[in-house]
Amino acid sequence: MNSLKLRWHAFNDRVPRSILILSRFALGIVIGWLFHYLLYRLSLPVEPFIYVAF
């Protein structure tokens, strides 16, 4: 576990801070979009509606 932690810190030291912030922001957007889509799919009705135009 310590070697993984040391590798992670070494990686963070090599990557510019602005890239880390932008990548975390992008990851948050992707995760938010996936949860939004999942909630949208769960909220759809199970039985299909029949739409009739009068």
Protein backbone atom coordinates (compact mmCIF):
# COMPACT_ATOMS: atom_id res chain seq x y z
CA MET A 1 0.00 0.00 0.00
CA ASN A 2 2.85 2.37 0.81
CA SER A 3 4.50 1.80 -2.59
CA LEU A 4 1.26 2.69 -4.35
CA LYS A 5 0.93 5.82 -2.25
CA LEU A 6 4.51 6.82 -3.03
CA ARG A 7 3.95 6.25 -6.75
CA TRP A 8 0.80 8.39 -6.63
CA HIS A 9 2.63 11.24 -4.91
CA ALA A 10 5.51 10.97 -7.39
CA PHE A 11 3.01 11.14 -10.26
CA ASN A 12 1.31 14.19 -8.74
CA ASP A 13 4.67 15.92 -8.37
CA ARG A 14 5.50 15.42 -12.07
CA VAL A 15 2.14 16.56 -13.49
CA PRO A 16 1.41 20.30 -13.47
CA ARG A 17 -1.23 21.35 -10.94
CA SER A 18 -3.44 22.94 -13.60
CA ILE A 19 -3.64 19.63 -15.49
CA LEU A 20 -4.61 17.80 -12.30
CA ILE A 21 -7.36 20.32 -11.55
CA LEU A 22 -8.72 20.17 -15.11
CA SER A 23 -8.66 16.37 -15.15
CA ARG A 24 -10.51 16.15 -11.84
CA PHE A 25 -13.07 18.67 -13.13
CA ALA A 26 -13.55 16.62 -16.31
CA LEU A 27 -13.87 13.42 -14.28
CA GLY A 28 -16.51 15.09 -12.10
CA ILE A 29 -18.48 16.16 -15.16
CA VAL A 30 -18.37 12.64 -16.60
CA ILE A 31 -19.47 11.07 -13.30
CA GLY A 32 -22.25 13.66 -12.94
CA TRP A 33 -23.46 12.99 -16.47
CA LEU A 34 -23.49 9.23 -15.84
CA PHE A 35 -25.51 9.62 -12.61
CA HIS A 36 -27.89 12.02 -14.36
CA TYR A 37 -28.42 9.52 -17.17
CA LEU A 38 -28.90 6.68 -14.70
CA LEU A 39 -31.52 8.62 -12.76
CA TYR A 40 -33.22 9.59 -16.02
CA ARG A 41 -33.41 5.96 -17.12
CA LEU A 42 -34.75 4.84 -13.75
CA SER A 43 -37.45 7.51 -13.81
CA LEU A 44 -38.86 6.40 -17.17
CA PRO A 45 -42.17 4.54 -17.00
CA VAL A 46 -41.97 0.77 -17.24
CA GLU A 47 -45.07 0.34 -19.39
CA PRO A 48 -45.07 2.20 -22.69
CA PHE A 49 -47.59 4.96 -23.29
CA ILE A 50 -49.81 5.03 -26.36
CA TYR A 51 -49.82 8.52 -27.81
CA VAL A 52 -52.89 9.42 -29.84
CA ALA A 53 -53.26 12.61 -31.82
CA PHE A 54 -56.82 13.89 -31.99
